[in-house]
C-alpha atoms as a PDB file:
ATOM      1  CA  UNK A   1       0.000   0.000   0.000  1.00  0.00           C
ATOM      2  CA  UNK A   2       1.376   3.397  -0.991  1.00  0.00           C
ATOM      3  CA  UNK A   3       2.251   5.979   1.636  1.00  0.00           C
ATOM      4  CA  UNK A   4      -0.452   8.734   1.771  1.00  0.00           C
ATOM      5  CA  UNK A   5       2.266  11.366   1.885  1.00  0.00           C
ATOM      6  CA  UNK A   6       3.874   9.871  -1.214  1.00  0.00           C
ATOM      7  CA  UNK A   7       0.526   9.931  -3.028  1.00  0.00           C
ATOM      8  CA  UNK A   8      -0.038  13.549  -2.021  1.00  0.00           C
ATOM      9  CA  UNK A   9       3.444  14.495  -3.240  1.00  0.00           C
ATOM     10  CA  UNK A  10       2.819  12.760  -6.573  1.00  0.00           C
ATOM     11  CA  UNK A  11      -0.455  14.647  -7.051  1.00  0.00           C
ATOM     12  CA  UNK A  12       1.161  17.964  -6.144  1.00  0.00           C
ATOM     13  CA  UNK A  13       4.004  17.380  -8.594  1.00  0.00           C
ATOM     14  CA  UNK A  14       1.553  16.443 -11.347  1.00  0.00           C
ATOM     15  CA  UNK A  15      -0.409  19.638 -10.705  1.00  0.00           C
ATOM     16  CA  UNK A  16       2.815  21.649 -10.693  1.00  0.00           C
ATOM     17  CA  UNK A  17       3.926  20.179 -14.025  1.00  0.00           C
ATOM     18  CA  UNK A  18       0.500  20.896 -15.531  1.00  0.00           C
ATOM     19  CA  UNK A  19       0.573  24.510 -14.374  1.00  0.00           C
ATOM     20  CA  UNK A  20       4.122  24.887 -15.667  1.00  0.00           C
ATOM     21  CA  UNK A  21       3.080  23.513 -19.047  1.00  0.00           C
ATOM     22  CA  UNK A  22       0.166  25.970 -19.177  1.00  0.00           C
ATOM     23  CA  UNK A  23       2.426  28.909 -18.323  1.00  0.00           C
ATOM     24  CA  UNK A  24       5.027  27.879 -20.903  1.00  0.00           C
ATOM     25  CA  UNK A  25       2.324  27.470 -23.566  1.00  0.00           C
ATOM     26  CA  UNK A  26       0.869  30.894 -22.809  1.00  0.00           C
ATOM     27  CA  UNK A  27       4.166  32.763 -22.775  1.00  0.00           C
ATOM     28  CA  UNK A  28       5.347  30.889 -25.861  1.00  0.00           C
ATOM     29  CA  UNK A  29       2.170  31.966 -27.630  1.00  0.00           C
ATOM     30  CA  UNK A  30       2.630  35.559 -26.502  1.00  0.00           C
ATOM     31  CA  UNK A  31       6.154  35.591 -27.915  1.00  0.00           C
ATOM     32  CA  UNK A  32       4.914  34.158 -31.219  1.00  0.00           C
ATOM     33  CA  UNK A  33       2.144  36.763 -31.420  1.00  0.00           C
ATOM     34  CA  UNK A  34       4.648  39.535 -30.716  1.00  0.00           C
ATOM     35  CA  UNK A  35       6.906  38.242 -33.486  1.00  0.00           C
ATOM     36  CA  UNK A  36       3.922  37.984 -35.828  1.00  0.00           C
ATOM     37  CA  UNK A  37       3.220  41.700 -35.458  1.00  0.00           C
ATOM     38  CA  UNK A  38       6.223  42.590 -37.626  1.00  0.00           C
ATOM     39  CA  UNK A  39       7.018  39.455 -39.685  1.00  0.00           C
ATOM     40  CA  UNK A  40       5.352  38.646 -43.025  1.00  0.00           C
ATOM     41  CA  UNK A  41       3.205  35.564 -43.522  1.00  0.00           C
ATOM     42  CA  UNK A  42       5.858  33.465 -45.367  1.00  0.00           C
ATOM     43  CA  UNK A  43       8.295  33.938 -42.472  1.00  0.00           C
ATOM     44  CA  UNK A  44       5.654  32.974 -39.897  1.00  0.00           C
ATOM     45  CA  UNK A  45       4.862  29.831 -41.845  1.00  0.00           C
ATOM     46  CA  UNK A  46       8.533  28.877 -41.775  1.00  0.00           C
ATOM     47  CA  UNK A  47       8.674  29.454 -38.017  1.00  0.00           C
ATOM     48  CA  UNK A  48       5.623  27.239 -37.575  1.00  0.00           C
ATOM     49  CA  UNK A  49       7.156  24.454 -39.638  1.00  0.00           C
ATOM     50  CA  UNK A  50      10.386  24.775 -37.632  1.00  0.00           C
ATOM     51  CA  UNK A  51       8.459  24.426 -34.363  1.00  0.00           C
ATOM     52  CA  UNK A  52       6.587  21.415 -35.733  1.00  0.00           C
ATOM     53  CA  UNK A  53       9.908  19.574 -35.895  1.00  0.00           C
ATOM     54  CA  UNK A  54      10.187  19.825 -32.101  1.00  0.00           C
ATOM     55  CA  UNK A  55       6.573  18.731 -31.715  1.00  0.00           C
ATOM     56  CA  UNK A  56       7.310  15.443 -33.460  1.00  0.00           C
ATOM     57  CA  UNK A  57       9.893  14.605 -30.810  1.00  0.00           C
ATOM     58  CA  UNK A  58       8.196  15.864 -27.640  1.00  0.00           C
ATOM     59  CA  UNK A  59       4.604  14.783 -28.373  1.00  0.00           C
ATOM     60  CA  UNK A  60       5.241  11.056 -28.706  1.00  0.00           C
ATOM     61  CA  UNK A  61       1.738  10.165 -27.490  1.00  0.00           C
ATOM     62  CA  UNK A  62       0.090  12.338 -30.143  1.00  0.00           C
ATOM     63  CA  UNK A  63       2.357  10.911 -32.842  1.00  0.00           C
ATOM     64  CA  UNK A  64       1.458   7.375 -31.761  1.00  0.00           C
ATOM     65  CA  UNK A  65      -2.243   8.209 -31.974  1.00  0.00           C
ATOM     66  CA  UNK A  66      -1.758   9.689 -35.418  1.00  0.00           C
ATOM     67  CA  UNK A  67       0.016   6.537 -36.594  1.00  0.00           C
ATOM     68  CA  UNK A  68      -2.869   4.404 -35.309  1.00  0.00           C
ATOM     69  CA  UNK A  69      -5.457   6.661 -36.972  1.00  0.00           C
ATOM     70  CA  UNK A  70      -3.665   6.551 -40.309  1.00  0.00           C
ATOM     71  CA  UNK A  71      -3.488   2.762 -40.157  1.00  0.00           C
ATOM     72  CA  UNK A  72      -7.251   2.614 -39.568  1.00  0.00           C
ATOM     73  CA  UNK A  73      -8.039   5.049 -42.373  1.00  0.00           C
ATOM     74  CA  UNK A  74      -5.555   3.726 -44.939  1.00  0.00           C
ATOM     75  CA  UNK A  75      -4.841   0.054 -44.157  1.00  0.00           C
ATOM     76  CA  UNK A  76      -3.881  -0.567 -47.789  1.00  0.00           C
ATOM     77  CA  UNK A  77      -1.218   2.162 -47.749  1.00  0.00           C
ATOM     78  CA  UNK A  78       2.369   0.936 -47.254  1.00  0.00           C
ATOM     79  CA  UNK A  79       3.739   1.831 -43.782  1.00  0.00           C
ATOM     80  CA  UNK A  80       6.454   3.993 -45.317  1.00  0.00           C
ATOM     81  CA  UNK A  81       3.879   6.100 -47.155  1.00  0.00           C
ATOM     82  CA  UNK A  82       1.841   6.483 -43.981  1.00  0.00           C
ATOM     83  CA  UNK A  83       4.922   7.731 -42.124  1.00  0.00           C
ATOM     84  CA  UNK A  84       5.608  10.235 -44.888  1.00  0.00           C
ATOM     85  CA  UNK A  85       1.987  11.359 -44.749  1.00  0.00           C
ATOM     86  CA  UNK A  86       2.276  11.862 -41.003  1.00  0.00           C
ATOM     87  CA  UNK A  87       5.385  14.026 -41.456  1.00  0.00           C
ATOM     88  CA  UNK A  88       3.513  16.201 -43.959  1.00  0.00           C
ATOM     89  CA  UNK A  89       0.553  16.431 -41.594  1.00  0.00           C
ATOM     90  CA  UNK A  90       2.727  17.655 -38.726  1.00  0.00           C
ATOM     91  CA  UNK A  91       4.369  20.219 -41.012  1.00  0.00           C
ATOM     92  CA  UNK A  92       0.905  21.335 -42.078  1.00  0.00           C
ATOM     93  CA  UNK A  93      -0.075  21.948 -38.443  1.00  0.00           C
ATOM     94  CA  UNK A  94       3.079  23.970 -37.968  1.00  0.00           C
ATOM     95  CA  UNK A  95       2.129  26.060 -40.980  1.00  0.00           C
ATOM     96  CA  UNK A  96      -1.346  26.533 -39.520  1.00  0.00           C
ATOM     97  CA  UNK A  97       0.219  27.806 -36.292  1.00  0.00           C
ATOM     98  CA  UNK A  98       2.186  30.453 -38.170  1.00  0.00           C
ATOM     99  CA  UNK A  99      -0.899  31.466 -40.148  1.00  0.00           C
ATOM    100  CA  UNK A 100      -3.058  31.756 -37.033  1.00  0.00           C
ATOM    101  CA  UNK A 101      -0.475  34.063 -35.450  1.00  0.00           C
ATOM    102  CA  UNK A 102      -0.684  36.156 -38.628  1.00  0.00           C
ATOM    103  CA  UNK A 103      -4.507  36.241 -38.413  1.00  0.00           C
ATOM    104  CA  UNK A 104      -4.357  38.028 -35.062  1.00  0.00           C
ATOM    105  CA  UNK A 105      -2.860  41.153 -36.670  1.00  0.00           C
ATOM    106  CA  UNK A 106      -3.761  41.032 -40.350  1.00  0.00           C
ATOM    107  CA  UNK A 107      -6.413  43.007 -42.214  1.00  0.00           C
ATOM    108  CA  UNK A 108      -9.543  41.998 -44.100  1.00  0.00           C
ATOM    109  CA  UNK A 109      -7.952  42.890 -47.430  1.00  0.00           C
ATOM    110  CA  UNK A 110      -4.893  40.727 -46.703  1.00  0.00           C
ATOM    111  CA  UNK A 111      -7.087  37.757 -45.809  1.00  0.00           C
ATOM    112  CA  UNK A 112      -9.052  38.110 -49.034  1.00  0.00           C
ATOM    113  CA  UNK A 113      -5.802  38.361 -50.991  1.00  0.00           C
ATOM    114  CA  UNK A 114      -4.543  34.928 -49.851  1.00  0.00           C
ATOM    115  CA  UNK A 115      -7.832  33.000 -49.782  1.00  0.00           C
ATOM    116  CA  UNK A 116     -10.382  32.512 -52.565  1.00  0.00           C
ATOM    117  CA  UNK A 117     -14.000  31.359 -52.171  1.00  0.00           C
ATOM    118  CA  UNK A 118     -15.859  28.968 -54.464  1.00  0.00           C
ATOM    119  CA  UNK A 119     -19.570  28.199 -54.105  1.00  0.00           C
ATOM    120  CA  UNK A 120     -20.456  31.235 -52.007  1.00  0.00           C
ATOM    121  CA  UNK A 121     -23.842  31.317 -53.725  1.00  0.00           C
ATOM    122  CA  UNK A 122     -24.954  28.295 -51.702  1.00  0.00           C
ATOM    123  CA  UNK A 123     -24.730  30.274 -48.468  1.00  0.00           C
ATOM    124  CA  UNK A 124     -26.129  33.428 -50.058  1.00  0.00           C
ATOM    125  CA  UNK A 125     -29.206  31.545 -51.268  1.00  0.00           C
ATOM    126  CA  UNK A 126     -29.750  30.125 -47.791  1.00  0.00           C
ATOM    127  CA  UNK A 127     -29.517  33.590 -46.228  1.00  0.00           C
ATOM    128  CA  UNK A 128     -31.868  35.028 -48.861  1.00  0.00           C
ATOM    129  CA  UNK A 129     -34.475  32.528 -47.648  1.00  0.00           C
ATOM    130  CA  UNK A 130     -34.212  34.113 -44.192  1.00  0.00           C
ATOM    131  CA  UNK A 131     -33.815  30.951 -42.103  1.00  0.00           C
ATOM    132  CA  UNK A 132     -30.078  31.007 -41.645  1.00  0.00           C
ATOM    133  CA  UNK A 133     -27.928  27.963 -42.340  1.00  0.00           C
ATOM    134  CA  UNK A 134     -25.828  25.354 -40.576  1.00  0.00           C
ATOM    135  CA  UNK A 135     -22.310  25.096 -41.970  1.00  0.00           C
ATOM    136  CA  UNK A 136     -20.594  21.806 -41.160  1.00  0.00           C
ATOM    137  CA  UNK A 137     -16.870  21.336 -41.460  1.00  0.00           C
ATOM    138  CA  UNK A 138     -13.907  19.668 -39.794  1.00  0.00           C
ATOM    139  CA  UNK A 139     -10.385  20.346 -38.582  1.00  0.00           C
ATOM    140  CA  UNK A 140      -9.186  20.473 -42.163  1.00  0.00           C
ATOM    141  CA  UNK A 141      -6.821  22.952 -43.747  1.00  0.00           C
ATOM    142  CA  UNK A 142      -6.711  26.137 -41.697  1.00  0.00           C
ATOM    143  CA  UNK A 143     -10.192  26.043 -40.174  1.00  0.00           C
ATOM    144  CA  UNK A 144      -9.577  29.322 -38.306  1.00  0.00           C
ATOM    145  CA  UNK A 145      -8.896  31.030 -41.626  1.00  0.00           C
ATOM    146  CA  UNK A 146     -12.141  29.511 -42.978  1.00  0.00           C
ATOM    147  CA  UNK A 147     -14.128  31.328 -40.291  1.00  0.00           C
ATOM    148  CA  UNK A 148     -12.212  34.572 -40.829  1.00  0.00           C
ATOM    149  CA  UNK A 149     -12.547  34.472 -44.627  1.00  0.00           C
ATOM    150  CA  UNK A 150     -16.304  33.969 -44.477  1.00  0.00           C
ATOM    151  CA  UNK A 151     -16.588  36.865 -42.046  1.00  0.00           C
ATOM    152  CA  UNK A 152     -14.497  39.067 -44.339  1.00  0.00           C
ATOM    153  CA  UNK A 153     -16.842  38.092 -47.164  1.00  0.00           C
ATOM    154  CA  UNK A 154     -19.832  39.384 -45.218  1.00  0.00           C
ATOM    155  CA  UNK A 155     -21.208  36.023 -44.049  1.00  0.00           C
ATOM    156  CA  UNK A 156     -22.641  36.468 -40.507  1.00  0.00           C
ATOM    157  CA  UNK A 157     -20.932  33.596 -38.688  1.00  0.00           C
ATOM    158  CA  UNK A 158     -21.831  32.157 -35.281  1.00  0.00           C
ATOM    159  CA  UNK A 159     -19.497  29.385 -34.157  1.00  0.00           C
ATOM    160  CA  UNK A 160     -19.654  26.968 -31.235  1.00  0.00           C
ATOM    161  CA  UNK A 161     -16.276  26.161 -29.699  1.00  0.00           C
ATOM    162  CA  UNK A 162     -14.795  24.286 -26.777  1.00  0.00           C
ATOM    163  CA  UNK A 163     -13.159  26.496 -24.186  1.00  0.00           C
ATOM    164  CA  UNK A 164      -9.374  26.291 -24.174  1.00  0.00           C
ATOM    165  CA  UNK A 165      -7.877  24.772 -21.007  1.00  0.00           C
ATOM    166  CA  UNK A 166      -6.082  28.040 -20.138  1.00  0.00           C
ATOM    167  CA  UNK A 167      -8.399  31.081 -19.778  1.00  0.00           C
ATOM    168  CA  UNK A 168      -5.626  33.387 -21.020  1.00  0.00           C
ATOM    169  CA  UNK A 169      -5.252  31.422 -24.251  1.00  0.00           C
ATOM    170  CA  UNK A 170      -9.044  31.095 -24.513  1.00  0.00           C
ATOM    171  CA  UNK A 171      -9.328  34.893 -24.451  1.00  0.00           C
ATOM    172  CA  UNK A 172      -6.816  35.173 -27.313  1.00  0.00           C
ATOM    173  CA  UNK A 173      -8.691  32.528 -29.325  1.00  0.00           C
ATOM    174  CA  UNK A 174     -12.031  34.291 -28.775  1.00  0.00           C
ATOM    175  CA  UNK A 175     -10.525  37.597 -29.914  1.00  0.00           C
ATOM    176  CA  UNK A 176      -9.259  35.963 -33.098  1.00  0.00           C
ATOM    177  CA  UNK A 177     -12.551  34.222 -33.883  1.00  0.00           C
ATOM    178  CA  UNK A 178     -14.645  37.352 -33.397  1.00  0.00           C
ATOM    179  CA  UNK A 179     -12.365  39.813 -35.232  1.00  0.00           C
ATOM    180  CA  UNK A 180     -14.347  39.877 -38.464  1.00  0.00           C
ATOM    181  CA  UNK A 181     -17.924  39.938 -37.210  1.00  0.00           C
ATOM    182  CA  UNK A 182     -18.012  36.396 -35.862  1.00  0.00           C
ATOM    183  CA  UNK A 183     -20.060  35.452 -32.821  1.00  0.00           C
ATOM    184  CA  UNK A 184     -18.492  32.887 -30.463  1.00  0.00           C
ATOM    185  CA  UNK A 185     -20.596  30.554 -28.309  1.00  0.00           C
ATOM    186  CA  UNK A 186     -18.975  28.158 -25.803  1.00  0.00           C
ATOM    187  CA  UNK A 187     -20.138  24.568 -26.195  1.00  0.00           C
ATOM    188  CA  UNK A 188     -22.330  23.067 -23.494  1.00  0.00           C
ATOM    189  CA  UNK A 189     -24.881  24.709 -21.228  1.00  0.00           C
ATOM    190  CA  UNK A 190     -27.158  26.991 -23.227  1.00  0.00           C
ATOM    191  CA  UNK A 191     -25.244  26.629 -26.484  1.00  0.00           C
ATOM    192  CA  UNK A 192     -28.119  24.889 -28.254  1.00  0.00           C
ATOM    193  CA  UNK A 193     -30.561  27.690 -27.477  1.00  0.00           C
ATOM    194  CA  UNK A 194     -28.052  30.338 -28.481  1.00  0.00           C
ATOM    195  CA  UNK A 195     -27.325  28.623 -31.774  1.00  0.00           C
ATOM    196  CA  UNK A 196     -31.027  28.263 -32.508  1.00  0.00           C
ATOM    197  CA  UNK A 197     -31.504  31.949 -31.731  1.00  0.00           C
ATOM    198  CA  UNK A 198     -28.674  32.789 -34.131  1.00  0.00           C
ATOM    199  CA  UNK A 199     -30.542  30.965 -36.901  1.00  0.00           C
ATOM    200  CA  UNK A 200     -33.664  33.008 -36.192  1.00  0.00           C
ATOM    201  CA  UNK A 201     -31.467  36.100 -36.748  1.00  0.00           C
ATOM    202  CA  UNK A 202     -30.514  34.664 -40.145  1.00  0.00           C
ATOM    203  CA  UNK A 203     -26.922  33.856 -39.199  1.00  0.00           C
ATOM    204  CA  UNK A 204     -24.761  30.905 -40.264  1.00  0.00           C
ATOM    205  CA  UNK A 205     -23.887  28.429 -37.525  1.00  0.00           C
ATOM    206  CA  UNK A 206     -20.374  27.074 -38.117  1.00  0.00           C
ATOM    207  CA  UNK A 207     -19.855  23.693 -36.444  1.00  0.00           C
ATOM    208  CA  UNK A 208     -16.871  21.334 -36.404  1.00  0.00           C
ATOM    209  CA  UNK A 209     -18.252  17.798 -36.231  1.00  0.00           C
ATOM    210  CA  UNK A 210     -15.211  15.602 -36.838  1.00  0.00           C
ATOM    211  CA  UNK A 211     -14.213  14.759 -33.264  1.00  0.00           C
ATOM    212  CA  UNK A 212     -15.315  12.179 -30.690  1.00  0.00           C
ATOM    213  CA  UNK A 213     -16.806  14.294 -27.869  1.00  0.00           C
ATOM    214  CA  UNK A 214     -18.938  12.071 -25.663  1.00  0.00           C
ATOM    215  CA  UNK A 215     -20.164  15.000 -23.583  1.00  0.00           C
ATOM    216  CA  UNK A 216     -22.131  16.219 -26.605  1.00  0.00           C
ATOM    217  CA  UNK A 217     -25.226  14.591 -28.119  1.00  0.00           C
ATOM    218  CA  UNK A 218     -24.157  12.420 -30.998  1.00  0.00           C
ATOM    219  CA  UNK A 219     -24.612   9.340 -33.123  1.00  0.00           C
ATOM    220  CA  UNK A 220     -22.455   6.513 -34.405  1.00  0.00           C
ATOM    221  CA  UNK A 221     -21.987   6.953 -38.142  1.00  0.00           C
ATOM    222  CA  UNK A 222     -19.554   5.422 -40.654  1.00  0.00           C
ATOM    223  CA  UNK A 223     -16.188   7.126 -40.974  1.00  0.00           C
ATOM    224  CA  UNK A 224     -13.427   5.438 -42.989  1.00  0.00           C
ATOM    225  CA  UNK A 225     -15.261   2.116 -42.684  1.00  0.00           C
ATOM    226  CA  UNK A 226     -15.697   2.239 -38.901  1.00  0.00           C
ATOM    227  CA  UNK A 227     -18.479   3.597 -36.742  1.00  0.00           C
ATOM    228  CA  UNK A 228     -17.402   6.805 -35.036  1.00  0.00           C
ATOM    229  CA  UNK A 229     -19.214   8.815 -32.370  1.00  0.00           C
ATOM    230  CA  UNK A 230     -20.057  12.111 -34.062  1.00  0.00           C
ATOM    231  CA  UNK A 231     -21.689  15.293 -32.682  1.00  0.00           C
ATOM    232  CA  UNK A 232     -25.257  15.467 -33.984  1.00  0.00           C
ATOM    233  CA  UNK A 233     -26.154  18.978 -32.853  1.00  0.00           C
ATOM    234  CA  UNK A 234     -25.729  20.407 -36.358  1.00  0.00           C
ATOM    235  CA  UNK A 235     -28.280  17.982 -37.807  1.00  0.00           C
ATOM    236  CA  UNK A 236     -30.707  18.501 -34.929  1.00  0.00           C
ATOM    237  CA  UNK A 237     -30.562  22.286 -35.296  1.00  0.00           C
ATOM    238  CA  UNK A 238     -31.099  22.171 -39.047  1.00  0.00           C
ATOM    239  CA  UNK A 239     -34.067  19.801 -38.871  1.00  0.00           C
ATOM    240  CA  UNK A 240     -35.805  21.726 -36.078  1.00  0.00           C
ATOM    241  CA  UNK A 241     -35.100  25.137 -37.616  1.00  0.00           C
ATOM    242  CA  UNK A 242     -35.908  23.886 -41.140  1.00  0.00           C
ATOM    243  CA  UNK A 243     -32.743  25.415 -42.541  1.00  0.00           C
ATOM    244  CA  UNK A 244     -30.139  23.969 -44.933  1.00  0.00           C
ATOM    245  CA  UNK A 245     -26.976  22.112 -43.940  1.00  0.00           C
ATOM    246  CA  UNK A 246     -24.048  23.305 -46.046  1.00  0.00           C
ATOM    247  CA  UNK A 247     -20.676  21.498 -45.989  1.00  0.00           C
ATOM    248  CA  UNK A 248     -17.729  23.854 -46.416  1.00  0.00           C
ATOM    249  CA  UNK A 249     -13.990  23.255 -46.293  1.00  0.00           C
ATOM    250  CA  UNK A 250     -10.714  25.058 -46.781  1.00  0.00           C
ATOM    251  CA  UNK A 251      -7.472  23.693 -48.170  1.00  0.00           C
ATOM    252  CA  UNK A 252      -4.024  25.056 -48.862  1.00  0.00           C
ATOM    253  CA  UNK A 253      -2.643  24.803 -52.383  1.00  0.00           C
ATOM    254  CA  UNK A 254       0.980  24.088 -53.220  1.00  0.00           C
ATOM    255  CA  UNK A 255       1.624  27.761 -53.902  1.00  0.00           C
ATOM    256  CA  UNK A 256       0.501  28.657 -50.372  1.00  0.00           C
ATOM    257  CA  UNK A 257      -2.844  30.156 -51.327  1.00  0.00           C
ATOM    258  CA  UNK A 258      -6.037  28.900 -49.710  1.00  0.00           C
ATOM    259  CA  UNK A 259      -9.371  27.978 -51.231  1.00  0.00           C
ATOM    260  CA  UNK A 260     -12.706  27.848 -49.405  1.00  0.00           C
ATOM    261  CA  UNK A 261     -15.088  25.422 -51.115  1.00  0.00           C
ATOM    262  CA  UNK A 262     -18.759  25.729 -50.166  1.00  0.00           C
ATOM    263  CA  UNK A 263     -20.798  22.724 -51.264  1.00  0.00           C
ATOM    264  CA  UNK A 264     -24.490  22.567 -52.167  1.00  0.00           C
ATOM    265  CA  UNK A 265     -26.821  21.913 -49.206  1.00  0.00           C
ATOM    266  CA  UNK A 266     -27.248  18.310 -48.118  1.00  0.00           C
ATOM    267  CA  UNK A 267     -30.659  16.687 -48.623  1.00  0.00           C
ATOM    268  CA  UNK A 268     -32.679  16.905 -45.411  1.00  0.00           C
ATOM    269  CA  UNK A 269     -34.232  13.502 -44.491  1.00  0.00           C
ATOM    270  CA  UNK A 270     -38.004  13.642 -44.197  1.00  0.00           C
ATOM    271  CA  UNK A 271     -38.905  10.083 -43.239  1.00  0.00           C
ATOM    272  CA  UNK A 272     -38.558   8.265 -39.948  1.00  0.00           C
ATOM    273  CA  UNK A 273     -38.310   9.504 -36.395  1.00  0.00           C
ATOM    274  CA  UNK A 274     -36.374  12.625 -35.415  1.00  0.00           C
ATOM    275  CA  UNK A 275     -33.568  10.387 -34.150  1.00  0.00           C
ATOM    276  CA  UNK A 276     -33.432   8.520 -37.462  1.00  0.00           C
ATOM    277  CA  UNK A 277     -33.360  11.744 -39.470  1.00  0.00           C
ATOM    278  CA  UNK A 278     -30.667  13.259 -37.266  1.00  0.00           C
ATOM    279  CA  UNK A 279     -28.492  10.164 -37.649  1.00  0.00           C
ATOM    280  CA  UNK A 280     -28.957  10.083 -41.430  1.00  0.00           C
ATOM    281  CA  UNK A 281     -28.080  13.762 -41.803  1.00  0.00           C
ATOM    282  CA  UNK A 282     -25.076  13.427 -39.491  1.00  0.00           C
ATOM    283  CA  UNK A 283     -23.885  10.475 -41.578  1.00  0.00           C
ATOM    284  CA  UNK A 284     -24.225  12.480 -44.799  1.00  0.00           C
ATOM    285  CA  UNK A 285     -22.226  15.377 -43.331  1.00  0.00           C
ATOM    286  CA  UNK A 286     -19.553  12.973 -42.090  1.00  0.00           C
ATOM    287  CA  UNK A 287     -19.285  11.435 -45.557  1.00  0.00           C
ATOM    288  CA  UNK A 288     -18.603  14.907 -46.968  1.00  0.00           C
ATOM    289  CA  UNK A 289     -15.838  15.379 -44.384  1.00  0.00           C
ATOM    290  CA  UNK A 290     -14.308  11.984 -45.180  1.00  0.00           C
ATOM    291  CA  UNK A 291     -14.324  12.798 -48.894  1.00  0.00           C
ATOM    292  CA  UNK A 292     -12.429  16.022 -48.190  1.00  0.00           C
ATOM    293  CA  UNK A 293      -9.895  14.236 -45.992  1.00  0.00           C
ATOM    294  CA  UNK A 294      -9.243  11.716 -48.748  1.00  0.00           C
ATOM    295  CA  UNK A 295      -8.548  14.620 -51.119  1.00  0.00           C
ATOM    296  CA  UNK A 296      -6.108  16.309 -48.726  1.00  0.00           C
ATOM    297  CA  UNK A 297      -5.122  13.728 -46.075  1.00  0.00           C
ATOM    298  CA  UNK A 298      -2.079  15.691 -44.937  1.00  0.00           C
ATOM    299  CA  UNK A 299      -4.342  18.610 -43.944  1.00  0.00           C
ATOM    300  CA  UNK A 300      -6.372  16.817 -41.254  1.00  0.00           C
ATOM    301  CA  UNK A 301      -5.606  16.460 -37.528  1.00  0.00           C
ATOM    302  CA  UNK A 302      -4.782  12.752 -37.260  1.00  0.00           C
ATOM    303  CA  UNK A 303      -3.700  13.089 -33.618  1.00  0.00           C
ATOM    304  CA  UNK A 304      -7.301  13.068 -32.412  1.00  0.00           C
ATOM    305  CA  UNK A 305      -8.654   9.701 -31.188  1.00  0.00           C
ATOM    306  CA  UNK A 306     -11.521   9.699 -33.668  1.00  0.00           C
ATOM    307  CA  UNK A 307     -12.606   6.125 -32.968  1.00  0.00           C
ATOM    308  CA  UNK A 308     -12.122   6.245 -29.183  1.00  0.00           C
ATOM    309  CA  UNK A 309     -15.755   5.432 -28.313  1.00  0.00           C
ATOM    310  CA  UNK A 310     -16.976   2.057 -29.458  1.00  0.00           C
ATOM    311  CA  UNK A 311     -20.564   0.985 -30.166  1.00  0.00           C
ATOM    312  CA  UNK A 312     -21.925  -2.397 -29.176  1.00  0.00           C
ATOM    313  CA  UNK A 313     -22.227  -3.414 -32.831  1.00  0.00           C
ATOM    314  CA  UNK A 314     -19.584  -2.685 -35.455  1.00  0.00           C
ATOM    315  CA  UNK A 315     -19.942  -2.323 -39.190  1.00  0.00           C
ATOM    316  CA  UNK A 316     -19.517  -5.634 -41.031  1.00  0.00           C
ATOM    317  CA  UNK A 317     -16.237  -6.034 -42.878  1.00  0.00           C
ATOM    318  CA  UNK A 318     -16.461  -5.243 -46.563  1.00  0.00           C
ATOM    319  CA  UNK A 319     -15.824  -8.078 -48.991  1.00  0.00           C
END
């Protein structure tokens, strides 16, 4: 049996290390934001990629998770190719970090100059109908730039986000996400009511639905051949508010420019119970996300444990 004093010491040290990590993260971010105030975007991208090299060595648990996720998603891919894909994915996240630091200080015109929009008419038509819209996306490309670019383009965005573990960093993130007319709603609590109210004001609810968050209402839907617990709030909102669900994604091209692609609205299921319709619509949105990941696999966050929760019944193996 362990000594109570030893247990208490272990807990205190763990808390100390956690607080130290939070402080280091915050001050590191502050330094990066200070640097970003006078460096151009290409230089910030290079700094981000440089920092991503350290991440690969210090975040061994995340790298292991990413390797497992890639093996699930692409079992037919040779291991060497999966490792190369993982390296590109980590570099991509480093680039995103540099770009996000740039977003804190940049202007609307500069954002528009590096990011094009295709399919904007799908959101405009939804807003013309006066019921708002639910935009579904994932942690693909630079998703923070996606929100900013739509705001710059005059799309009234309301996004639901998880609070960051450190209130100081959370405040910085909220400032970034609301810079260009965006409205930020913390997930949980009264978020559902606030999002519904935003739709009644003819706004676009932007929701990331590509992570396993068991605290949120969800459904098991196919994702890369396996059932994955997926937030269903976007589908529920759209069905109850009778507004369209519009998939939209952003990706970075080889020349460094970004493209926002807004897809046509997904068909809204009309048959079955509310639960059945919500699951069907969530599955359709998840299929759109999977299709985008397959197009640009290096631009997704593979470190997340997407298949962490397991249903009682699994999908049958394909022949």
